[in-house]
Amino acid sequence: MKLVVGLGNPGKEYEKTRHNVGFWCIEKLEDKLGVGRPYKKWQALVTDTKVGGERVYLIRPQTYMNLSGQSVKEAILALGAEPSRDLILIYDDLDLPVGSIRLREKGSAGGHNGVKSVLQLAGSHEFPRIRIGIGRPPFDITVVDYVLSGFPKKDRDHVTQAVEIAADAVLASLEEPFPIVMNKFNSRPSIS
């Protein structure tokens, strides 16, 4: 079993914001896997399918970013999942250039409140994650305003490609151990 969780904020007003690239990746995976309509469960929108005989849950928490851990914890408890083995978390990262991705096996929240919530409530720091770069805001824009705004036209193609590559990394991790996938995808040149 795999729980693939993309972080974001629910609602039309947040749909195209930088903070929602985790949701975009889940939507890309849903397209690639040809899953049905999402259903509501665990305070999230969920789709599920089987890949190579393994049940895969694609999860978009609907708790708003800073409370994402509530949804993830519910899914983990309901399914008897082990985070280090069963969870993959996808989210935006200010510290990566726009359009780049980075895979990690474990780590801290790095200042990301959604990740911090998941770490606190999942009870583990040791689970794979895929970070999609959104870059840093200019000096005259706050971080909150930046992550809750959309990408300028010049960045959209880079981000779209990064989401596609991140989805491919998830699919690869369903067939190969995460460290092998991490080595393959982290060694790719940056898109931007």
N, C-alpha and C. Protein backbone atom coordinates (compact mmCIF):
# COMPACT_ATOMS: atom_id res chain seq x y z
N MET A 1 0.84 -1.18 0.00
CA MET A 1 0.00 0.00 0.00
C MET A 1 0.89 1.24 0.00
N LYS A 2 0.42 2.25 -0.74
CA LYS A 2 1.11 3.55 -0.74
C LYS A 2 0.08 4.65 -0.56
N LEU A 3 0.42 5.61 0.30
CA LEU A 3 -0.37 6.83 0.46
C LEU A 3 0.45 7.95 -0.15
N VAL A 4 0.00 8.46 -1.27
CA VAL A 4 0.71 9.56 -1.95
C VAL A 4 -0.09 10.82 -1.64
N VAL A 5 0.50 11.71 -0.85
CA VAL A 5 -0.19 12.89 -0.36
C VAL A 5 0.42 14.14 -0.99
N GLY A 6 -0.41 14.92 -1.65
CA GLY A 6 0.02 16.21 -2.19
C GLY A 6 -0.56 17.32 -1.33
N LEU A 7 0.27 18.24 -0.90
CA LEU A 7 -0.20 19.33 -0.03
C LEU A 7 -0.68 20.52 -0.86
N GLY A 8 -1.69 21.21 -0.31
CA GLY A 8 -2.25 22.39 -0.94
C GLY A 8 -3.39 22.93 -0.11
N ASN A 9 -4.10 23.89 -0.65
CA ASN A 9 -5.27 24.47 0.01
C ASN A 9 -6.50 24.22 -0.86
N PRO A 10 -7.62 23.87 -0.23
CA PRO A 10 -8.84 23.65 -1.00
C PRO A 10 -9.46 24.96 -1.46
N GLY A 11 -10.29 24.89 -2.49
CA GLY A 11 -11.04 26.07 -2.92
C GLY A 11 -10.49 26.70 -4.17
N LYS A 12 -11.41 27.27 -4.94
CA LYS A 12 -11.07 27.90 -6.23
C LYS A 12 -10.02 29.00 -6.10
N GLU A 13 -10.10 29.79 -5.00
CA GLU A 13 -9.20 30.93 -4.87
C GLU A 13 -7.73 30.51 -4.71
N TYR A 14 -7.49 29.25 -4.32
CA TYR A 14 -6.12 28.78 -4.12
C TYR A 14 -5.64 27.85 -5.23
N GLU A 15 -6.53 27.47 -6.10
CA GLU A 15 -6.29 26.46 -7.12
C GLU A 15 -4.98 26.64 -7.90
N LYS A 16 -4.69 27.87 -8.31
CA LYS A 16 -3.54 28.12 -9.18
C LYS A 16 -2.36 28.77 -8.45
N THR A 17 -2.36 28.66 -7.12
CA THR A 17 -1.29 29.29 -6.35
C THR A 17 -0.06 28.39 -6.23
N ARG A 18 1.06 29.00 -5.91
CA ARG A 18 2.32 28.27 -5.74
C ARG A 18 2.21 27.19 -4.67
N HIS A 19 1.45 27.48 -3.64
CA HIS A 19 1.31 26.54 -2.51
C HIS A 19 0.58 25.26 -2.91
N ASN A 20 -0.02 25.23 -4.09
CA ASN A 20 -0.84 24.08 -4.47
C ASN A 20 -0.17 23.13 -5.45
N VAL A 21 1.13 23.24 -5.66
CA VAL A 21 1.77 22.34 -6.62
C VAL A 21 1.69 20.88 -6.18
N GLY A 22 1.56 20.63 -4.89
CA GLY A 22 1.35 19.25 -4.41
C GLY A 22 0.04 18.68 -4.92
N PHE A 23 -1.01 19.50 -4.87
CA PHE A 23 -2.31 19.09 -5.43
C PHE A 23 -2.18 18.84 -6.93
N TRP A 24 -1.44 19.72 -7.64
CA TRP A 24 -1.29 19.57 -9.09
C TRP A 24 -0.65 18.23 -9.42
N CYS A 25 0.30 17.82 -8.61
CA CYS A 25 0.98 16.55 -8.86
C CYS A 25 0.02 15.37 -8.66
N ILE A 26 -0.81 15.45 -7.64
CA ILE A 26 -1.81 14.38 -7.44
C ILE A 26 -2.77 14.33 -8.63
N GLU A 27 -3.20 15.49 -9.11
CA GLU A 27 -4.09 15.53 -10.28
C GLU A 27 -3.40 14.93 -11.51
N LYS A 28 -2.11 15.20 -11.67
CA LYS A 28 -1.35 14.64 -12.79
C LYS A 28 -1.28 13.11 -12.66
N LEU A 29 -1.07 12.63 -11.45
CA LEU A 29 -1.05 11.18 -11.21
C LEU A 29 -2.41 10.55 -11.50
N GLU A 30 -3.47 11.24 -11.10
CA GLU A 30 -4.82 10.73 -11.38
C GLU A 30 -5.03 10.58 -12.89
N ASP A 31 -4.56 11.57 -13.65
CA ASP A 31 -4.66 11.50 -15.11
C ASP A 31 -3.84 10.32 -15.65
N LYS A 32 -2.61 10.20 -15.20
CA LYS A 32 -1.71 9.16 -15.71
C LYS A 32 -2.23 7.75 -15.37
N LEU A 33 -2.86 7.62 -14.21
CA LEU A 33 -3.33 6.32 -13.77
C LEU A 33 -4.78 6.04 -14.18
N GLY A 34 -5.46 7.05 -14.72
CA GLY A 34 -6.83 6.87 -15.18
C GLY A 34 -7.80 6.49 -14.07
N VAL A 35 -7.65 7.12 -12.91
CA VAL A 35 -8.53 6.81 -11.78
C VAL A 35 -9.87 7.54 -11.92
N GLY A 36 -10.85 7.11 -11.15
CA GLY A 36 -12.18 7.72 -11.20
C GLY A 36 -12.25 9.03 -10.45
N ARG A 37 -13.47 9.46 -10.20
CA ARG A 37 -13.70 10.72 -9.48
C ARG A 37 -13.26 10.61 -8.03
N PRO A 38 -12.72 11.70 -7.47
CA PRO A 38 -12.33 11.68 -6.06
C PRO A 38 -13.55 11.52 -5.14
N TYR A 39 -13.32 10.90 -4.02
CA TYR A 39 -14.34 10.79 -2.97
C TYR A 39 -13.78 11.42 -1.70
N LYS A 40 -14.67 11.79 -0.79
CA LYS A 40 -14.26 12.44 0.45
C LYS A 40 -14.07 11.40 1.55
N LYS A 41 -12.87 11.43 2.12
CA LYS A 41 -12.54 10.53 3.21
C LYS A 41 -11.32 11.10 3.92
N TRP A 42 -11.23 10.91 5.23
CA TRP A 42 -10.07 11.36 6.02
C TRP A 42 -9.82 12.86 5.87
N GLN A 43 -10.89 13.66 5.79
CA GLN A 43 -10.77 15.11 5.60
C GLN A 43 -9.96 15.43 4.34
N ALA A 44 -10.17 14.65 3.31
CA ALA A 44 -9.40 14.79 2.08
C ALA A 44 -10.23 14.40 0.87
N LEU A 45 -9.74 14.77 -0.31
CA LEU A 45 -10.24 14.21 -1.55
C LEU A 45 -9.29 13.07 -1.89
N VAL A 46 -9.87 11.89 -2.14
CA VAL A 46 -9.08 10.68 -2.30
C VAL A 46 -9.48 9.96 -3.58
N THR A 47 -8.51 9.43 -4.27
CA THR A 47 -8.76 8.46 -5.33
C THR A 47 -7.86 7.27 -5.01
N ASP A 48 -8.22 6.11 -5.51
CA ASP A 48 -7.35 4.96 -5.29
C ASP A 48 -7.41 4.03 -6.48
N THR A 49 -6.34 3.26 -6.62
CA THR A 49 -6.22 2.32 -7.72
C THR A 49 -5.19 1.28 -7.32
N LYS A 50 -5.00 0.31 -8.17
CA LYS A 50 -3.93 -0.66 -7.94
C LYS A 50 -2.86 -0.46 -9.01
N VAL A 51 -1.61 -0.50 -8.56
CA VAL A 51 -0.47 -0.41 -9.47
C VAL A 51 0.43 -1.60 -9.14
N GLY A 52 0.58 -2.50 -10.10
CA GLY A 52 1.40 -3.68 -9.87
C GLY A 52 0.95 -4.50 -8.68
N GLY A 53 -0.36 -4.58 -8.47
CA GLY A 53 -0.90 -5.37 -7.36
C GLY A 53 -0.91 -4.64 -6.02
N GLU A 54 -0.38 -3.42 -5.98
CA GLU A 54 -0.33 -2.65 -4.73
C GLU A 54 -1.40 -1.56 -4.75
N ARG A 55 -2.16 -1.43 -3.67
CA ARG A 55 -3.18 -0.39 -3.56
C ARG A 55 -2.48 0.95 -3.34
N VAL A 56 -2.86 1.93 -4.16
CA VAL A 56 -2.27 3.28 -4.08
C VAL A 56 -3.40 4.27 -3.84
N TYR A 57 -3.27 5.06 -2.78
CA TYR A 57 -4.22 6.11 -2.44
C TYR A 57 -3.60 7.46 -2.80
N LEU A 58 -4.29 8.24 -3.60
CA LEU A 58 -3.85 9.59 -3.96
C LEU A 58 -4.70 10.56 -3.14
N ILE A 59 -4.04 11.34 -2.30
CA ILE A 59 -4.74 12.10 -1.26
C ILE A 59 -4.41 13.59 -1.34
N ARG A 60 -5.48 14.41 -1.35
CA ARG A 60 -5.35 15.87 -1.28
C ARG A 60 -6.08 16.34 -0.01
N PRO A 61 -5.36 16.58 1.09
CA PRO A 61 -6.02 17.05 2.32
C PRO A 61 -6.83 18.32 2.07
N GLN A 62 -8.00 18.39 2.69
CA GLN A 62 -8.89 19.54 2.54
C GLN A 62 -8.96 20.37 3.82
N THR A 63 -7.98 20.21 4.67
CA THR A 63 -7.95 20.87 5.99
C THR A 63 -7.29 22.24 5.94
N TYR A 64 -6.83 22.68 4.78
CA TYR A 64 -5.96 23.83 4.59
C TYR A 64 -4.55 23.43 5.00
N MET A 65 -3.60 24.06 4.37
CA MET A 65 -2.20 23.66 4.44
C MET A 65 -1.69 23.42 5.86
N ASN A 66 -1.90 24.38 6.75
CA ASN A 66 -1.28 24.30 8.07
C ASN A 66 -1.83 23.19 8.96
N LEU A 67 -2.92 22.55 8.55
CA LEU A 67 -3.50 21.45 9.32
C LEU A 67 -3.48 20.14 8.54
N SER A 68 -2.65 20.05 7.53
CA SER A 68 -2.59 18.87 6.66
C SER A 68 -2.35 17.58 7.43
N GLY A 69 -1.61 17.66 8.51
CA GLY A 69 -1.30 16.46 9.30
C GLY A 69 -2.53 15.77 9.85
N GLN A 70 -3.60 16.53 10.10
CA GLN A 70 -4.84 15.90 10.61
C GLN A 70 -5.36 14.87 9.62
N SER A 71 -5.41 15.25 8.36
CA SER A 71 -5.89 14.37 7.31
C SER A 71 -4.95 13.16 7.13
N VAL A 72 -3.66 13.43 7.09
CA VAL A 72 -2.68 12.36 6.89
C VAL A 72 -2.74 11.37 8.04
N LYS A 73 -2.85 11.86 9.27
CA LYS A 73 -2.94 10.98 10.43
C LYS A 73 -4.17 10.09 10.34
N GLU A 74 -5.32 10.67 9.95
CA GLU A 74 -6.54 9.86 9.81
C GLU A 74 -6.35 8.73 8.81
N ALA A 75 -5.74 9.04 7.67
CA ALA A 75 -5.50 8.01 6.64
C ALA A 75 -4.55 6.94 7.15
N ILE A 76 -3.48 7.34 7.82
CA ILE A 76 -2.50 6.39 8.35
C ILE A 76 -3.16 5.44 9.34
N LEU A 77 -3.94 6.01 10.27
CA LEU A 77 -4.61 5.18 11.29
C LEU A 77 -5.65 4.26 10.67
N ALA A 78 -6.45 4.78 9.74
CA ALA A 78 -7.52 3.98 9.13
C ALA A 78 -6.96 2.81 8.33
N LEU A 79 -5.82 3.03 7.70
CA LEU A 79 -5.26 1.99 6.82
C LEU A 79 -4.17 1.15 7.49
N GLY A 80 -3.81 1.52 8.72
CA GLY A 80 -2.73 0.80 9.39
C GLY A 80 -1.41 0.97 8.66
N ALA A 81 -1.20 2.16 8.09
CA ALA A 81 -0.01 2.43 7.29
C ALA A 81 1.20 2.72 8.18
N GLU A 82 2.37 2.42 7.67
CA GLU A 82 3.64 2.74 8.31
C GLU A 82 4.29 3.85 7.49
N PRO A 83 4.39 5.09 8.03
CA PRO A 83 4.90 6.21 7.22
C PRO A 83 6.20 5.94 6.48
N SER A 84 7.19 5.34 7.14
CA SER A 84 8.49 5.15 6.49
C SER A 84 8.39 4.22 5.28
N ARG A 85 7.41 3.36 5.26
CA ARG A 85 7.25 2.40 4.18
C ARG A 85 6.16 2.79 3.18
N ASP A 86 5.09 3.44 3.68
CA ASP A 86 3.87 3.60 2.89
C ASP A 86 3.54 5.03 2.44
N LEU A 87 4.20 6.04 2.99
CA LEU A 87 3.83 7.42 2.73
C LEU A 87 4.83 8.10 1.78
N ILE A 88 4.31 8.87 0.82
CA ILE A 88 5.12 9.77 -0.01
C ILE A 88 4.43 11.13 0.04
N LEU A 89 5.16 12.17 0.43
CA LEU A 89 4.61 13.51 0.57
C LEU A 89 5.16 14.41 -0.53
N ILE A 90 4.27 15.18 -1.17
CA ILE A 90 4.65 16.08 -2.27
C ILE A 90 4.24 17.50 -1.90
N TYR A 91 5.17 18.45 -2.04
CA TYR A 91 4.84 19.82 -1.63
C TYR A 91 5.79 20.83 -2.29
N ASP A 92 5.41 22.10 -2.17
CA ASP A 92 6.18 23.22 -2.73
C ASP A 92 7.36 23.53 -1.82
N ASP A 93 8.44 24.06 -2.42
CA ASP A 93 9.62 24.42 -1.64
C ASP A 93 10.19 25.75 -2.12
N LEU A 94 10.25 26.70 -1.21
CA LEU A 94 10.81 28.04 -1.49
C LEU A 94 12.31 27.99 -1.75
N ASP A 95 12.99 27.01 -1.19
CA ASP A 95 14.45 26.97 -1.28
C ASP A 95 14.98 26.31 -2.54
N LEU A 96 14.08 25.86 -3.40
CA LEU A 96 14.49 25.29 -4.68
C LEU A 96 14.10 26.24 -5.80
N PRO A 97 14.92 26.34 -6.83
CA PRO A 97 14.57 27.20 -7.96
C PRO A 97 13.27 26.75 -8.61
N VAL A 98 12.55 27.69 -9.18
CA VAL A 98 11.29 27.38 -9.87
C VAL A 98 11.53 26.29 -10.91
N GLY A 99 10.70 25.27 -10.85
CA GLY A 99 10.75 24.21 -11.85
C GLY A 99 11.72 23.08 -11.55
N SER A 100 12.36 23.10 -10.39
CA SER A 100 13.25 21.99 -10.05
C SER A 100 12.53 21.07 -9.06
N ILE A 101 12.98 19.84 -8.96
CA ILE A 101 12.43 18.93 -7.95
C ILE A 101 13.58 18.31 -7.18
N ARG A 102 13.29 17.89 -5.96
CA ARG A 102 14.27 17.21 -5.12
C ARG A 102 13.53 16.13 -4.35
N LEU A 103 14.09 14.94 -4.33
CA LEU A 103 13.55 13.83 -3.57
C LEU A 103 14.42 13.61 -2.35
N ARG A 104 13.78 13.31 -1.22
CA ARG A 104 14.50 13.02 0.02
C ARG A 104 13.83 11.85 0.71
N GLU A 105 14.60 11.09 1.44
CA GLU A 105 14.04 9.96 2.18
C GLU A 105 13.45 10.36 3.53
N LYS A 106 13.96 11.44 4.10
CA LYS A 106 13.51 11.89 5.41
C LYS A 106 14.02 13.30 5.62
N GLY A 107 13.62 13.92 6.74
CA GLY A 107 14.14 15.24 7.04
C GLY A 107 13.19 16.07 7.87
N SER A 108 13.55 17.34 7.99
CA SER A 108 12.76 18.27 8.80
C SER A 108 11.71 18.95 7.92
N ALA A 109 10.95 19.84 8.53
CA ALA A 109 9.92 20.58 7.81
C ALA A 109 10.52 21.72 6.98
N GLY A 110 11.71 22.15 7.31
CA GLY A 110 12.35 23.23 6.56
C GLY A 110 11.53 24.51 6.54
N GLY A 111 10.77 24.79 7.61
CA GLY A 111 9.97 26.00 7.68
C GLY A 111 8.62 25.91 6.99
N HIS A 112 8.28 24.77 6.40
CA HIS A 112 7.00 24.60 5.69
C HIS A 112 5.94 24.13 6.70
N ASN A 113 4.93 24.97 6.95
CA ASN A 113 3.94 24.67 7.98
C ASN A 113 3.10 23.43 7.69
N GLY A 114 2.81 23.17 6.42
CA GLY A 114 2.07 21.96 6.07
C GLY A 114 2.87 20.71 6.40
N VAL A 115 4.15 20.73 6.07
CA VAL A 115 5.03 19.59 6.37
C VAL A 115 5.18 19.44 7.88
N LYS A 116 5.32 20.57 8.57
CA LYS A 116 5.45 20.54 10.02
C LYS A 116 4.24 19.84 10.65
N SER A 117 3.05 20.15 10.17
CA SER A 117 1.83 19.51 10.67
C SER A 117 1.85 18.00 10.41
N VAL A 118 2.29 17.61 9.22
CA VAL A 118 2.36 16.17 8.90
C VAL A 118 3.38 15.48 9.79
N LEU A 119 4.55 16.08 9.98
CA LEU A 119 5.58 15.48 10.82
C LEU A 119 5.08 15.29 12.25
N GLN A 120 4.40 16.30 12.78
CA GLN A 120 3.91 16.21 14.16
C GLN A 120 2.86 15.12 14.32
N LEU A 121 1.92 15.04 13.37
CA LEU A 121 0.79 14.13 13.54
C LEU A 121 1.01 12.75 12.94
N ALA A 122 1.93 12.61 12.00
CA ALA A 122 2.23 11.28 11.44
C ALA A 122 3.13 10.49 12.41
N GLY A 123 3.77 11.23 13.31
CA GLY A 123 4.60 10.57 14.31
C GLY A 123 5.95 10.11 13.79
N SER A 124 6.37 10.64 12.64
CA SER A 124 7.65 10.22 12.06
C SER A 124 8.19 11.32 11.15
N HIS A 125 9.52 11.40 11.10
CA HIS A 125 10.20 12.28 10.15
C HIS A 125 10.75 11.45 9.00
N GLU A 126 10.63 10.14 9.11
CA GLU A 126 11.27 9.24 8.17
C GLU A 126 10.28 8.69 7.16
N PHE A 127 9.99 9.51 6.17
CA PHE A 127 9.18 9.05 5.04
C PHE A 127 9.61 9.85 3.82
N PRO A 128 9.48 9.25 2.63
CA PRO A 128 9.90 9.92 1.40
C PRO A 128 9.08 11.17 1.11
N ARG A 129 9.77 12.14 0.50
CA ARG A 129 9.08 13.36 0.08
C ARG A 129 9.65 13.85 -1.23
N ILE A 130 8.79 14.51 -1.98
CA ILE A 130 9.18 15.11 -3.26
C ILE A 130 8.86 16.59 -3.17
N ARG A 131 9.89 17.42 -3.29
CA ARG A 131 9.72 18.86 -3.19
C ARG A 131 9.78 19.47 -4.59
N ILE A 132 8.85 20.36 -4.87
CA ILE A 132 8.79 21.05 -6.16
C ILE A 132 9.15 22.51 -5.92
N GLY A 133 10.19 22.98 -6.60
CA GLY A 133 10.70 24.33 -6.39
C GLY A 133 9.77 25.42 -6.89
N ILE A 134 9.54 26.40 -6.02
CA ILE A 134 8.75 27.58 -6.40
C ILE A 134 9.59 28.86 -6.30
N GLY A 135 10.84 28.76 -5.85
CA GLY A 135 11.71 29.93 -5.74
C GLY A 135 11.34 30.82 -4.57
N ARG A 136 12.19 31.77 -4.31
CA ARG A 136 12.00 32.74 -3.21
C ARG A 136 11.28 33.99 -3.71
N PRO A 137 10.51 34.63 -2.83
CA PRO A 137 9.85 35.87 -3.25
C PRO A 137 10.85 37.02 -3.36
N PRO A 138 10.52 38.02 -4.19
CA PRO A 138 11.32 39.24 -4.20
C PRO A 138 11.26 39.90 -2.82
N PHE A 139 12.20 40.76 -2.53
CA PHE A 139 12.31 41.36 -1.19
C PHE A 139 11.06 42.12 -0.76
N ASP A 140 10.26 42.60 -1.72
CA ASP A 140 9.11 43.44 -1.37
C ASP A 140 7.79 42.66 -1.23
N ILE A 141 7.86 41.33 -1.25
CA ILE A 141 6.65 40.50 -1.11
C ILE A 141 6.85 39.54 0.05
N THR A 142 5.85 39.45 0.93
CA THR A 142 5.96 38.52 2.06
C THR A 142 5.85 37.09 1.55
N VAL A 143 6.37 36.16 2.35
CA VAL A 143 6.31 34.74 1.99
C VAL A 143 4.86 34.30 1.83
N VAL A 144 4.00 34.72 2.75
CA VAL A 144 2.58 34.33 2.69
C VAL A 144 1.94 34.81 1.39
N ASP A 145 2.15 36.08 1.06
CA ASP A 145 1.57 36.61 -0.19
C ASP A 145 2.15 35.88 -1.40
N TYR A 146 3.41 35.54 -1.32
CA TYR A 146 4.08 34.87 -2.44
C TYR A 146 3.50 33.48 -2.68
N VAL A 147 3.44 32.66 -1.62
CA VAL A 147 2.98 31.27 -1.82
C VAL A 147 1.49 31.21 -2.17
N LEU A 148 0.74 32.25 -1.80
CA LEU A 148 -0.69 32.27 -2.10
C LEU A 148 -1.01 33.05 -3.38
N SER A 149 0.01 33.29 -4.19
CA SER A 149 -0.21 33.92 -5.50
C SER A 149 0.18 32.93 -6.59
N GLY A 150 -0.23 33.25 -7.81
CA GLY A 150 0.06 32.37 -8.94
C GLY A 150 1.44 32.61 -9.52
N PHE A 151 1.82 31.72 -10.41
CA PHE A 151 3.11 31.85 -11.09
C PHE A 151 2.99 32.84 -12.24
N PRO A 152 4.02 33.65 -12.45
CA PRO A 152 4.02 34.51 -13.64
C PRO A 152 4.15 33.63 -14.88
N LYS A 153 3.75 34.19 -16.00
CA LYS A 153 3.74 33.44 -17.26
C LYS A 153 5.10 32.80 -17.56
N LYS A 154 6.20 33.51 -17.29
CA LYS A 154 7.54 33.01 -17.60
C LYS A 154 7.89 31.73 -16.84
N ASP A 155 7.22 31.46 -15.72
CA ASP A 155 7.52 30.28 -14.89
C ASP A 155 6.57 29.11 -15.12
N ARG A 156 5.43 29.35 -15.75
CA ARG A 156 4.39 28.31 -15.82
C ARG A 156 4.84 27.04 -16.51
N ASP A 157 5.55 27.16 -17.64
CA ASP A 157 6.01 25.96 -18.34
C ASP A 157 6.99 25.16 -17.49
N HIS A 158 7.87 25.84 -16.77
CA HIS A 158 8.84 25.16 -15.91
C HIS A 158 8.14 24.39 -14.81
N VAL A 159 7.14 25.01 -14.20
CA VAL A 159 6.42 24.36 -13.11
C VAL A 159 5.60 23.19 -13.64
N THR A 160 4.96 23.35 -14.79
CA THR A 160 4.20 22.26 -15.39
C THR A 160 5.11 21.06 -15.65
N GLN A 161 6.30 21.32 -16.18
CA GLN A 161 7.26 20.23 -16.42
C GLN A 161 7.71 19.59 -15.11
N ALA A 162 7.93 20.40 -14.09
CA ALA A 162 8.36 19.87 -12.79
C ALA A 162 7.29 18.97 -12.19
N VAL A 163 6.04 19.37 -12.31
CA VAL A 163 4.92 18.55 -11.79
C VAL A 163 4.88 17.22 -12.54
N GLU A 164 5.07 17.26 -13.84
CA GLU A 164 5.10 16.05 -14.66
C GLU A 164 6.23 15.12 -14.21
N ILE A 165 7.41 15.67 -14.00
CA ILE A 165 8.56 14.88 -13.57
C ILE A 165 8.34 14.33 -12.17
N ALA A 166 7.77 15.13 -11.27
CA ALA A 166 7.47 14.66 -9.92
C ALA A 166 6.49 13.49 -9.96
N ALA A 167 5.48 13.57 -10.82
CA ALA A 167 4.52 12.47 -10.97
C ALA A 167 5.23 11.23 -11.49
N ASP A 168 6.13 11.40 -12.43
CA ASP A 168 6.91 10.26 -12.94
C ASP A 168 7.77 9.64 -11.84
N ALA A 169 8.31 10.48 -10.96
CA ALA A 169 9.11 9.98 -9.84
C ALA A 169 8.24 9.14 -8.90
N VAL A 170 7.02 9.58 -8.65
CA VAL A 170 6.11 8.79 -7.81
C VAL A 170 5.85 7.44 -8.47
N LEU A 171 5.53 7.45 -9.76
CA LEU A 171 5.25 6.20 -10.46
C LEU A 171 6.46 5.28 -10.43
N ALA A 172 7.66 5.82 -10.60
CA ALA A 172 8.88 5.02 -10.54
C ALA A 172 9.05 4.40 -9.15
N SER A 173 8.67 5.16 -8.11
CA SER A 173 8.85 4.67 -6.74
C SER A 173 7.87 3.54 -6.41
N LEU A 174 6.84 3.36 -7.23
CA LEU A 174 5.93 2.24 -7.03
C LEU A 174 6.52 0.94 -7.58
N GLU A 175 7.59 1.08 -8.35
CA GLU A 175 8.23 -0.09 -8.97
C GLU A 175 9.63 -0.37 -8.45
N GLU A 176 10.29 0.67 -7.92
CA GLU A 176 11.67 0.53 -7.46
C GLU A 176 11.81 1.14 -6.07
N PRO A 177 12.82 0.72 -5.31
CA PRO A 177 13.04 1.34 -4.00
C PRO A 177 13.29 2.85 -4.13
N PHE A 178 12.81 3.60 -3.16
CA PHE A 178 12.90 5.05 -3.21
C PHE A 178 14.35 5.56 -3.36
N PRO A 179 15.35 4.96 -2.69
CA PRO A 179 16.72 5.46 -2.87
C PRO A 179 17.19 5.39 -4.33
N ILE A 180 16.78 4.37 -5.05
CA ILE A 180 17.16 4.25 -6.47
C ILE A 180 16.48 5.34 -7.28
N VAL A 181 15.19 5.55 -7.02
CA VAL A 181 14.43 6.59 -7.71
C VAL A 181 15.02 7.97 -7.39
N MET A 182 15.37 8.16 -6.14
CA MET A 182 15.95 9.42 -5.70
C MET A 182 17.24 9.71 -6.47
N ASN A 183 18.10 8.71 -6.61
CA ASN A 183 19.35 8.90 -7.36
C ASN A 183 19.09 9.25 -8.81
N LYS A 184 18.11 8.62 -9.43
CA LYS A 184 17.79 8.90 -10.83
C LYS A 184 17.26 10.32 -11.02
N PHE A 185 16.30 10.70 -10.18
CA PHE A 185 15.62 11.98 -10.39
C PHE A 185 16.40 13.16 -9.84
N ASN A 186 17.16 12.98 -8.77
CA ASN A 186 17.95 14.09 -8.24
C ASN A 186 19.15 14.41 -9.11
N SER A 187 19.57 13.47 -9.94
CA SER A 187 20.72 13.72 -10.80
C SER A 187 20.34 14.40 -12.13
N ARG A 188 19.03 14.56 -12.38
CA ARG A 188 18.60 15.24 -13.60
C ARG A 188 18.96 16.72 -13.55
N PRO A 189 19.29 17.30 -14.69
CA PRO A 189 19.57 18.75 -14.68
C PRO A 189 18.30 19.53 -14.39
N SER A 190 18.47 20.69 -13.81
CA SER A 190 17.33 21.58 -13.52
C SER A 190 16.65 22.02 -14.80
N ILE A 191 15.32 22.18 -14.72
CA ILE A 191 14.52 22.58 -15.88
C ILE A 191 14.78 24.04 -16.25
N SER A 192 14.86 24.89 -15.23
CA SER A 192 14.94 26.33 -15.49
C SER A 192 16.28 26.81 -15.96
